[in-house]
Amino acid sequence: MSRPSRLQRQVLSLYRELLRAGRGKPGAEARVRAEFRQHAGLPRSDVLRIEYLYRRGRRQLQLLRSGHAKAMGAFVRLGDPTEATRDAGTPGTPPDADDGPRRPLDSMGAPETPSEGR
């Protein structure tokens, strides 16, 4: 087995740092593991993609360490984009009567859930 390259060592170091930074933040460790598992099959020769993902990971690490992050979320891709726009409106309104977002987004980019008293 050959020695790991410099880029491989950097990626492994980033992985460990992200796991450490995510301790105590709901969903962070699982999200980090899932993201790395998802890209584990990238060929070694795809250096541009690996470097791009590495830089993206460094930015996420900075956000996790900033102190503002309380949890780590993920965007979920819906099956069919036309279904997403059709379901985005208020019940009873036609889909073409969309005049903007229906619910404001919270600081993590997820729709706010209405609380009592609002």
N, C-alpha and C. Protein backbone atom coordinates (compact mmCIF):
# COMPACT_ATOMS: atom_id res chain seq x y z
N MET A 1 0.85 -1.18 0.00
CA MET A 1 0.00 0.00 0.00
C MET A 1 0.89 1.24 0.00
N SER A 2 0.57 2.20 -0.84
CA SER A 2 1.39 3.41 -0.97
C SER A 2 1.03 4.41 0.13
N ARG A 3 1.96 5.34 0.36
CA ARG A 3 1.73 6.38 1.34
C ARG A 3 0.67 7.35 0.82
N PRO A 4 -0.13 7.91 1.73
CA PRO A 4 -1.14 8.88 1.28
C PRO A 4 -0.50 10.15 0.73
N SER A 5 -1.11 10.71 -0.28
CA SER A 5 -0.61 11.95 -0.86
C SER A 5 -0.89 13.11 0.10
N ARG A 6 -0.34 14.26 -0.21
CA ARG A 6 -0.56 15.45 0.61
C ARG A 6 -2.04 15.81 0.66
N LEU A 7 -2.70 15.75 -0.49
CA LEU A 7 -4.12 16.07 -0.56
C LEU A 7 -4.95 15.08 0.27
N GLN A 8 -4.60 13.80 0.22
CA GLN A 8 -5.30 12.81 1.02
C GLN A 8 -5.14 13.09 2.51
N ARG A 9 -3.95 13.46 2.92
CA ARG A 9 -3.72 13.79 4.33
C ARG A 9 -4.53 15.03 4.74
N GLN A 10 -4.61 16.01 3.85
CA GLN A 10 -5.39 17.21 4.14
C GLN A 10 -6.88 16.88 4.29
N VAL A 11 -7.38 16.01 3.42
CA VAL A 11 -8.79 15.62 3.47
C VAL A 11 -9.09 14.87 4.76
N LEU A 12 -8.21 13.94 5.14
CA LEU A 12 -8.40 13.20 6.39
C LEU A 12 -8.34 14.13 7.60
N SER A 13 -7.45 15.10 7.56
CA SER A 13 -7.35 16.07 8.64
C SER A 13 -8.63 16.91 8.73
N LEU A 14 -9.15 17.32 7.58
CA LEU A 14 -10.39 18.08 7.54
C LEU A 14 -11.54 17.26 8.13
N TYR A 15 -11.59 15.99 7.79
CA TYR A 15 -12.63 15.10 8.30
C TYR A 15 -12.59 15.06 9.83
N ARG A 16 -11.40 14.88 10.39
CA ARG A 16 -11.27 14.84 11.84
C ARG A 16 -11.66 16.19 12.48
N GLU A 17 -11.23 17.28 11.86
CA GLU A 17 -11.56 18.61 12.39
C GLU A 17 -13.06 18.87 12.35
N LEU A 18 -13.72 18.47 11.25
CA LEU A 18 -15.16 18.65 11.15
C LEU A 18 -15.89 17.83 12.21
N LEU A 19 -15.44 16.60 12.44
CA LEU A 19 -16.08 15.78 13.47
C LEU A 19 -15.91 16.41 14.85
N ARG A 20 -14.72 16.91 15.14
CA ARG A 20 -14.48 17.56 16.43
C ARG A 20 -15.33 18.83 16.59
N ALA A 21 -15.39 19.63 15.55
CA ALA A 21 -16.16 20.88 15.60
C ALA A 21 -17.66 20.60 15.72
N GLY A 22 -18.10 19.46 15.19
CA GLY A 22 -19.51 19.14 15.21
C GLY A 22 -20.00 18.49 16.48
N ARG A 23 -19.08 18.15 17.39
CA ARG A 23 -19.51 17.54 18.66
C ARG A 23 -20.45 18.48 19.40
N GLY A 24 -21.55 17.94 19.86
CA GLY A 24 -22.51 18.73 20.61
C GLY A 24 -23.48 19.52 19.75
N LYS A 25 -23.34 19.48 18.45
CA LYS A 25 -24.27 20.17 17.57
C LYS A 25 -25.15 19.11 16.89
N PRO A 26 -26.44 19.18 17.11
CA PRO A 26 -27.33 18.15 16.58
C PRO A 26 -27.20 17.99 15.06
N GLY A 27 -27.01 16.77 14.63
CA GLY A 27 -26.96 16.44 13.21
C GLY A 27 -25.63 16.67 12.54
N ALA A 28 -24.69 17.30 13.21
CA ALA A 28 -23.43 17.68 12.56
C ALA A 28 -22.56 16.46 12.25
N GLU A 29 -22.33 15.61 13.23
CA GLU A 29 -21.45 14.46 13.01
C GLU A 29 -22.03 13.53 11.95
N ALA A 30 -23.32 13.27 12.02
CA ALA A 30 -23.95 12.39 11.02
C ALA A 30 -23.87 13.00 9.63
N ARG A 31 -24.06 14.31 9.54
CA ARG A 31 -24.01 14.99 8.24
C ARG A 31 -22.60 14.95 7.66
N VAL A 32 -21.59 15.14 8.51
CA VAL A 32 -20.20 15.10 8.06
C VAL A 32 -19.89 13.70 7.52
N ARG A 33 -20.25 12.69 8.28
CA ARG A 33 -19.98 11.31 7.85
C ARG A 33 -20.69 11.00 6.53
N ALA A 34 -21.95 11.42 6.42
CA ALA A 34 -22.72 11.15 5.20
C ALA A 34 -22.11 11.85 4.00
N GLU A 35 -21.68 13.09 4.19
CA GLU A 35 -21.08 13.85 3.08
C GLU A 35 -19.79 13.21 2.61
N PHE A 36 -18.95 12.79 3.55
CA PHE A 36 -17.69 12.16 3.16
C PHE A 36 -17.94 10.80 2.52
N ARG A 37 -18.91 10.04 3.04
CA ARG A 37 -19.24 8.74 2.44
C ARG A 37 -19.76 8.91 1.01
N GLN A 38 -20.55 9.95 0.81
CA GLN A 38 -21.13 10.20 -0.52
C GLN A 38 -20.03 10.43 -1.56
N HIS A 39 -18.95 11.08 -1.17
CA HIS A 39 -17.89 11.40 -2.12
C HIS A 39 -16.68 10.49 -2.02
N ALA A 40 -16.78 9.43 -1.24
CA ALA A 40 -15.65 8.52 -1.05
C ALA A 40 -15.26 7.80 -2.34
N GLY A 41 -16.18 7.64 -3.25
CA GLY A 41 -15.91 6.92 -4.48
C GLY A 41 -15.29 7.76 -5.59
N LEU A 42 -15.01 9.02 -5.31
CA LEU A 42 -14.39 9.84 -6.35
C LEU A 42 -13.03 9.26 -6.73
N PRO A 43 -12.73 9.19 -8.00
CA PRO A 43 -11.41 8.68 -8.40
C PRO A 43 -10.31 9.66 -7.98
N ARG A 44 -9.15 9.12 -7.66
CA ARG A 44 -8.01 9.96 -7.24
C ARG A 44 -7.61 10.95 -8.32
N SER A 45 -7.88 10.60 -9.55
CA SER A 45 -7.47 11.47 -10.66
C SER A 45 -8.35 12.71 -10.80
N ASP A 46 -9.50 12.75 -10.12
CA ASP A 46 -10.41 13.90 -10.21
C ASP A 46 -9.99 14.96 -9.17
N VAL A 47 -8.79 15.49 -9.35
CA VAL A 47 -8.18 16.39 -8.38
C VAL A 47 -8.97 17.70 -8.27
N LEU A 48 -9.47 18.23 -9.37
CA LEU A 48 -10.21 19.49 -9.33
C LEU A 48 -11.45 19.36 -8.46
N ARG A 49 -12.19 18.29 -8.63
CA ARG A 49 -13.40 18.07 -7.82
C ARG A 49 -13.04 17.87 -6.35
N ILE A 50 -11.99 17.13 -6.08
CA ILE A 50 -11.55 16.89 -4.69
C ILE A 50 -11.14 18.20 -4.04
N GLU A 51 -10.38 19.02 -4.77
CA GLU A 51 -9.95 20.31 -4.21
C GLU A 51 -11.14 21.23 -3.98
N TYR A 52 -12.11 21.21 -4.89
CA TYR A 52 -13.31 22.00 -4.71
C TYR A 52 -14.04 21.57 -3.44
N LEU A 53 -14.24 20.27 -3.26
CA LEU A 53 -14.93 19.76 -2.08
C LEU A 53 -14.14 20.06 -0.80
N TYR A 54 -12.81 20.01 -0.90
CA TYR A 54 -11.96 20.33 0.24
C TYR A 54 -12.16 21.79 0.66
N ARG A 55 -12.15 22.70 -0.31
CA ARG A 55 -12.35 24.13 0.00
C ARG A 55 -13.74 24.36 0.59
N ARG A 56 -14.73 23.68 0.04
CA ARG A 56 -16.10 23.78 0.57
C ARG A 56 -16.16 23.29 2.02
N GLY A 57 -15.46 22.20 2.29
CA GLY A 57 -15.39 21.66 3.65
C GLY A 57 -14.71 22.63 4.61
N ARG A 58 -13.66 23.31 4.15
CA ARG A 58 -12.98 24.29 5.01
C ARG A 58 -13.92 25.44 5.37
N ARG A 59 -14.71 25.88 4.40
CA ARG A 59 -15.68 26.95 4.67
C ARG A 59 -16.73 26.47 5.68
N GLN A 60 -17.19 25.24 5.53
CA GLN A 60 -18.17 24.70 6.48
C GLN A 60 -17.57 24.57 7.87
N LEU A 61 -16.30 24.22 7.94
CA LEU A 61 -15.61 24.12 9.22
C LEU A 61 -15.55 25.49 9.89
N GLN A 62 -15.25 26.52 9.13
CA GLN A 62 -15.22 27.88 9.69
C GLN A 62 -16.59 28.26 10.24
N LEU A 63 -17.65 27.90 9.52
CA LEU A 63 -18.99 28.21 9.99
C LEU A 63 -19.31 27.45 11.28
N LEU A 64 -18.93 26.18 11.33
CA LEU A 64 -19.19 25.40 12.54
C LEU A 64 -18.44 25.96 13.74
N ARG A 65 -17.23 26.41 13.51
CA ARG A 65 -16.41 26.94 14.61
C ARG A 65 -16.78 28.37 15.01
N SER A 66 -17.54 29.06 14.19
CA SER A 66 -17.82 30.47 14.42
C SER A 66 -18.60 30.73 15.70
N GLY A 67 -19.31 29.74 16.20
CA GLY A 67 -20.11 29.93 17.40
C GLY A 67 -21.55 30.28 17.11
N HIS A 68 -21.85 30.66 15.88
CA HIS A 68 -23.22 30.98 15.51
C HIS A 68 -24.02 29.73 15.17
N ALA A 69 -23.33 28.69 14.77
CA ALA A 69 -24.01 27.47 14.36
C ALA A 69 -24.41 26.68 15.59
N LYS A 70 -25.71 26.35 15.65
CA LYS A 70 -26.21 25.54 16.76
C LYS A 70 -26.51 24.12 16.32
N ALA A 71 -26.67 23.93 15.03
CA ALA A 71 -26.97 22.61 14.46
C ALA A 71 -26.52 22.63 13.01
N MET A 72 -26.55 21.48 12.40
CA MET A 72 -26.15 21.38 11.00
C MET A 72 -27.29 20.72 10.24
N GLY A 73 -27.80 21.40 9.25
CA GLY A 73 -28.90 20.88 8.47
C GLY A 73 -28.44 20.43 7.11
N ALA A 74 -29.40 19.96 6.34
CA ALA A 74 -29.10 19.52 4.98
C ALA A 74 -30.27 19.87 4.10
N PHE A 75 -29.97 20.18 2.87
CA PHE A 75 -31.02 20.41 1.89
C PHE A 75 -31.43 19.06 1.34
N VAL A 76 -32.72 18.90 1.11
CA VAL A 76 -33.24 17.65 0.60
C VAL A 76 -33.79 17.90 -0.79
N ARG A 77 -33.35 17.10 -1.74
CA ARG A 77 -33.83 17.24 -3.10
C ARG A 77 -35.15 16.48 -3.24
N LEU A 78 -36.14 17.17 -3.76
CA LEU A 78 -37.42 16.53 -4.00
C LEU A 78 -37.36 15.72 -5.28
N GLY A 79 -38.26 14.76 -5.40
CA GLY A 79 -38.24 13.87 -6.55
C GLY A 79 -38.43 14.60 -7.88
N ASP A 80 -39.43 15.46 -7.98
CA ASP A 80 -39.75 16.14 -9.23
C ASP A 80 -39.88 17.64 -8.96
N PRO A 81 -39.09 18.47 -9.62
CA PRO A 81 -39.15 19.91 -9.37
C PRO A 81 -40.51 20.52 -9.63
N THR A 82 -41.29 19.95 -10.56
CA THR A 82 -42.62 20.51 -10.83
C THR A 82 -43.55 20.26 -9.65
N GLU A 83 -43.35 19.15 -8.94
CA GLU A 83 -44.16 18.88 -7.75
C GLU A 83 -43.85 19.88 -6.66
N ALA A 84 -42.59 20.27 -6.54
CA ALA A 84 -42.19 21.21 -5.50
C ALA A 84 -42.86 22.56 -5.72
N THR A 85 -42.91 23.04 -6.96
CA THR A 85 -43.53 24.33 -7.21
C THR A 85 -45.04 24.25 -7.10
N ARG A 86 -45.61 23.12 -7.45
CA ARG A 86 -47.04 22.95 -7.34
C ARG A 86 -47.47 22.95 -5.88
N ASP A 87 -46.67 22.33 -5.00
CA ASP A 87 -47.03 22.21 -3.60
C ASP A 87 -46.61 23.43 -2.79
N ALA A 88 -45.89 24.38 -3.40
CA ALA A 88 -45.37 25.52 -2.65
C ALA A 88 -46.46 26.51 -2.27
N GLY A 89 -47.54 26.57 -3.03
CA GLY A 89 -48.58 27.55 -2.78
C GLY A 89 -49.46 27.17 -1.61
N THR A 90 -50.26 28.14 -1.22
CA THR A 90 -51.23 27.91 -0.17
C THR A 90 -52.34 27.03 -0.72
N PRO A 91 -52.89 26.10 0.07
CA PRO A 91 -53.97 25.27 -0.45
C PRO A 91 -55.12 26.12 -0.95
N GLY A 92 -55.62 25.78 -2.10
CA GLY A 92 -56.74 26.50 -2.69
C GLY A 92 -56.33 27.60 -3.65
N THR A 93 -55.05 27.90 -3.75
CA THR A 93 -54.62 28.93 -4.69
C THR A 93 -54.00 28.24 -5.90
N PRO A 94 -54.21 28.80 -7.09
CA PRO A 94 -53.61 28.18 -8.27
C PRO A 94 -52.11 28.31 -8.24
N PRO A 95 -51.38 27.35 -8.86
CA PRO A 95 -49.92 27.39 -8.83
C PRO A 95 -49.31 28.60 -9.50
N ASP A 96 -50.00 29.24 -10.47
CA ASP A 96 -49.41 30.39 -11.16
C ASP A 96 -49.62 31.70 -10.40
N ALA A 97 -50.29 31.66 -9.27
CA ALA A 97 -50.53 32.87 -8.47
C ALA A 97 -49.46 33.02 -7.39
N ASP A 98 -48.25 32.65 -7.71
CA ASP A 98 -47.16 32.70 -6.74
C ASP A 98 -46.56 34.10 -6.73
N ASP A 99 -46.73 34.81 -5.62
CA ASP A 99 -46.19 36.16 -5.53
C ASP A 99 -45.07 36.25 -4.50
N GLY A 100 -44.33 35.17 -4.30
CA GLY A 100 -43.21 35.20 -3.37
C GLY A 100 -43.25 34.02 -2.42
N PRO A 101 -42.27 33.96 -1.53
CA PRO A 101 -42.22 32.85 -0.58
C PRO A 101 -43.38 32.91 0.39
N ARG A 102 -43.88 31.75 0.76
CA ARG A 102 -45.02 31.67 1.66
C ARG A 102 -44.61 31.73 3.12
N ARG A 103 -43.43 31.13 3.42
CA ARG A 103 -42.97 31.12 4.80
C ARG A 103 -41.55 31.66 4.84
N PRO A 104 -41.24 32.50 5.83
CA PRO A 104 -39.87 33.02 5.93
C PRO A 104 -38.91 31.91 6.32
N LEU A 105 -37.63 32.11 6.01
CA LEU A 105 -36.61 31.13 6.34
C LEU A 105 -35.92 31.52 7.63
N ASP A 106 -35.55 30.51 8.41
CA ASP A 106 -34.80 30.78 9.63
C ASP A 106 -33.34 30.97 9.30
N SER A 107 -32.48 31.11 10.30
CA SER A 107 -31.06 31.39 10.07
C SER A 107 -30.33 30.25 9.39
N MET A 108 -30.87 29.02 9.43
CA MET A 108 -30.23 27.88 8.79
C MET A 108 -30.75 27.67 7.36
N GLY A 109 -31.71 28.50 6.92
CA GLY A 109 -32.23 28.38 5.57
C GLY A 109 -33.42 27.46 5.46
N ALA A 110 -33.95 27.00 6.60
CA ALA A 110 -35.12 26.13 6.59
C ALA A 110 -36.36 26.97 6.87
N PRO A 111 -37.51 26.56 6.35
CA PRO A 111 -38.73 27.32 6.62
C PRO A 111 -39.01 27.35 8.12
N GLU A 112 -39.37 28.53 8.61
CA GLU A 112 -39.71 28.65 10.02
C GLU A 112 -41.02 27.93 10.29
N THR A 113 -41.11 27.31 11.43
CA THR A 113 -42.35 26.68 11.81
C THR A 113 -43.11 27.67 12.67
N PRO A 114 -44.39 27.88 12.37
CA PRO A 114 -45.13 28.87 13.14
C PRO A 114 -45.26 28.42 14.60
N SER A 115 -44.98 29.34 15.48
CA SER A 115 -45.13 29.05 16.90
C SER A 115 -46.39 29.71 17.41
N GLU A 116 -46.86 29.26 18.54
CA GLU A 116 -48.08 29.85 19.10
C GLU A 116 -47.78 31.28 19.54
N GLY A 117 -48.75 32.14 19.35
CA GLY A 117 -48.59 33.53 19.73
C GLY A 117 -48.09 34.40 18.60
N ARG A 118 -47.91 33.86 17.44
CA ARG A 118 -47.49 34.64 16.28
C ARG A 118 -48.65 34.94 15.41
